[in-house]
Amino acid sequence: MIACAGILPLAAICGPIRDIPWGWTLIDISFGALGIIPLLIVRRLIHRLERERTPA
């Protein structure tokens, strides 16, 4: 999740430096923004599994 968050400023800063068109920069930023969604779902499922495995 940290890497997904790091893509946002990295793409916003390095895109114009490398003369990448703004549309492509938005696509790069979307990988970070949309990539975090499956990670959050998996994180929630892992926490659910940990709660189920913990003896009462």
N, C-alpha and C. Protein backbone atom coordinates (compact mmCIF):
# COMPACT_ATOMS: atom_id res chain seq x y z
N MET A 1 0.82 -1.19 0.00
CA MET A 1 0.00 0.00 0.00
C MET A 1 0.86 1.25 0.00
N ILE A 2 2.03 1.15 0.62
CA ILE A 2 2.93 2.29 0.63
C ILE A 2 3.41 2.58 -0.80
N ALA A 3 3.68 1.53 -1.55
CA ALA A 3 4.13 1.71 -2.93
C ALA A 3 3.03 2.34 -3.79
N CYS A 4 1.79 1.95 -3.56
CA CYS A 4 0.68 2.54 -4.31
C CYS A 4 0.56 4.03 -3.99
N ALA A 5 0.75 4.39 -2.73
CA ALA A 5 0.69 5.80 -2.35
C ALA A 5 1.88 6.57 -2.93
N GLY A 6 3.01 5.91 -3.05
CA GLY A 6 4.20 6.56 -3.59
C GLY A 6 4.14 6.82 -5.08
N ILE A 7 3.29 6.09 -5.78
CA ILE A 7 3.16 6.28 -7.22
C ILE A 7 2.55 7.65 -7.53
N LEU A 8 1.65 8.10 -6.68
CA LEU A 8 0.94 9.36 -6.95
C LEU A 8 1.90 10.54 -7.08
N PRO A 9 2.73 10.84 -6.08
CA PRO A 9 3.64 11.98 -6.27
C PRO A 9 4.74 11.69 -7.28
N LEU A 10 5.17 10.45 -7.36
CA LEU A 10 6.24 10.11 -8.30
C LEU A 10 5.80 10.38 -9.74
N ALA A 11 4.61 9.94 -10.09
CA ALA A 11 4.11 10.16 -11.44
C ALA A 11 3.83 11.65 -11.69
N ALA A 12 3.34 12.34 -10.68
CA ALA A 12 3.03 13.76 -10.84
C ALA A 12 4.29 14.60 -11.00
N ILE A 13 5.37 14.19 -10.36
CA ILE A 13 6.62 14.96 -10.43
C ILE A 13 7.44 14.54 -11.65
N CYS A 14 7.60 13.24 -11.85
CA CYS A 14 8.50 12.76 -12.91
C CYS A 14 7.87 12.79 -14.30
N GLY A 15 6.56 12.80 -14.38
CA GLY A 15 5.91 12.84 -15.69
C GLY A 15 6.29 14.07 -16.48
N PRO A 16 6.12 15.26 -15.92
CA PRO A 16 6.50 16.47 -16.66
C PRO A 16 8.01 16.57 -16.91
N ILE A 17 8.81 16.06 -15.98
CA ILE A 17 10.26 16.10 -16.17
C ILE A 17 10.66 15.28 -17.40
N ARG A 18 10.01 14.14 -17.60
CA ARG A 18 10.34 13.25 -18.72
C ARG A 18 9.51 13.57 -19.97
N ASP A 19 8.76 14.66 -19.95
CA ASP A 19 7.90 15.09 -21.07
C ASP A 19 6.88 14.04 -21.45
N ILE A 20 6.31 13.39 -20.45
CA ILE A 20 5.22 12.44 -20.68
C ILE A 20 3.92 13.23 -20.75
N PRO A 21 3.06 12.95 -21.74
CA PRO A 21 1.79 13.69 -21.84
C PRO A 21 0.95 13.55 -20.57
N TRP A 22 0.15 14.59 -20.30
CA TRP A 22 -0.63 14.64 -19.07
C TRP A 22 -1.61 13.46 -18.98
N GLY A 23 -2.16 13.03 -20.08
CA GLY A 23 -3.07 11.88 -20.07
C GLY A 23 -2.38 10.60 -19.62
N TRP A 24 -1.16 10.41 -20.05
CA TRP A 24 -0.41 9.23 -19.64
C TRP A 24 -0.03 9.32 -18.17
N THR A 25 0.24 10.52 -17.71
CA THR A 25 0.54 10.71 -16.29
C THR A 25 -0.68 10.35 -15.45
N LEU A 26 -1.86 10.72 -15.93
CA LEU A 26 -3.09 10.35 -15.21
C LEU A 26 -3.28 8.83 -15.17
N ILE A 27 -2.91 8.17 -16.25
CA ILE A 27 -2.99 6.71 -16.27
C ILE A 27 -2.02 6.12 -15.25
N ASP A 28 -0.81 6.67 -15.18
CA ASP A 28 0.15 6.21 -14.18
C ASP A 28 -0.37 6.42 -12.76
N ILE A 29 -0.98 7.58 -12.52
CA ILE A 29 -1.53 7.88 -11.20
C ILE A 29 -2.68 6.93 -10.88
N SER A 30 -3.46 6.55 -11.89
CA SER A 30 -4.59 5.66 -11.64
C SER A 30 -4.13 4.27 -11.19
N PHE A 31 -2.94 3.84 -11.62
CA PHE A 31 -2.42 2.56 -11.13
C PHE A 31 -2.25 2.59 -9.62
N GLY A 32 -1.77 3.70 -9.10
CA GLY A 32 -1.61 3.81 -7.66
C GLY A 32 -2.95 3.92 -6.94
N ALA A 33 -3.84 4.73 -7.50
CA ALA A 33 -5.13 4.95 -6.85
C ALA A 33 -6.00 3.70 -6.91
N LEU A 34 -6.04 3.02 -8.04
CA LEU A 34 -6.88 1.84 -8.18
C LEU A 34 -6.20 0.57 -7.67
N GLY A 35 -4.89 0.57 -7.62
CA GLY A 35 -4.16 -0.60 -7.13
C GLY A 35 -4.32 -0.83 -5.65
N ILE A 36 -4.66 0.20 -4.91
CA ILE A 36 -4.80 0.06 -3.47
C ILE A 36 -6.11 -0.65 -3.10
N ILE A 37 -7.09 -0.63 -3.98
CA ILE A 37 -8.39 -1.23 -3.68
C ILE A 37 -8.28 -2.74 -3.43
N PRO A 38 -7.67 -3.53 -4.33
CA PRO A 38 -7.56 -4.96 -4.03
C PRO A 38 -6.69 -5.24 -2.81
N LEU A 39 -5.70 -4.39 -2.56
CA LEU A 39 -4.86 -4.58 -1.38
C LEU A 39 -5.65 -4.37 -0.09
N LEU A 40 -6.55 -3.40 -0.08
CA LEU A 40 -7.39 -3.18 1.10
C LEU A 40 -8.35 -4.34 1.33
N ILE A 41 -8.88 -4.89 0.25
CA ILE A 41 -9.79 -6.04 0.37
C ILE A 41 -9.04 -7.24 0.94
N VAL A 42 -7.85 -7.51 0.41
CA VAL A 42 -7.06 -8.64 0.90
C VAL A 42 -6.66 -8.43 2.36
N ARG A 43 -6.32 -7.20 2.71
CA ARG A 43 -5.95 -6.89 4.10
C ARG A 43 -7.11 -7.18 5.05
N ARG A 44 -8.31 -6.79 4.64
CA ARG A 44 -9.49 -7.05 5.47
C ARG A 44 -9.73 -8.55 5.62
N LEU A 45 -9.56 -9.32 4.54
CA LEU A 45 -9.73 -10.77 4.61
C LEU A 45 -8.68 -11.42 5.49
N ILE A 46 -7.46 -10.91 5.45
CA ILE A 46 -6.40 -11.46 6.31
C ILE A 46 -6.72 -11.21 7.77
N HIS A 47 -7.21 -10.02 8.09
CA HIS A 47 -7.58 -9.74 9.49
C HIS A 47 -8.73 -10.63 9.94
N ARG A 48 -9.66 -10.90 9.03
CA ARG A 48 -10.78 -11.79 9.37
C ARG A 48 -10.27 -13.20 9.65
N LEU A 49 -9.33 -13.69 8.84
CA LEU A 49 -8.76 -15.01 9.07
C LEU A 49 -7.99 -15.07 10.39
N GLU A 50 -7.28 -14.01 10.72
CA GLU A 50 -6.55 -13.99 11.98
C GLU A 50 -7.49 -14.05 13.17
N ARG A 51 -8.60 -13.36 13.09
CA ARG A 51 -9.59 -13.39 14.18
C ARG A 51 -10.19 -14.79 14.33
N GLU A 52 -10.42 -15.47 13.21
CA GLU A 52 -11.02 -16.80 13.26
C GLU A 52 -10.04 -17.84 13.80
N ARG A 53 -8.76 -17.67 13.56
CA ARG A 53 -7.75 -18.65 14.00
C ARG A 53 -7.36 -18.45 15.46
N THR A 54 -7.61 -17.28 16.00
CA THR A 54 -7.23 -17.00 17.39
C THR A 54 -8.15 -17.78 18.33
N PRO A 55 -7.58 -18.62 19.23
CA PRO A 55 -8.43 -19.36 20.15
C PRO A 55 -9.10 -18.44 21.16
N ALA A 56 -10.32 -18.74 21.47
CA ALA A 56 -11.10 -17.89 22.40
C ALA A 56 -10.78 -18.20 23.84
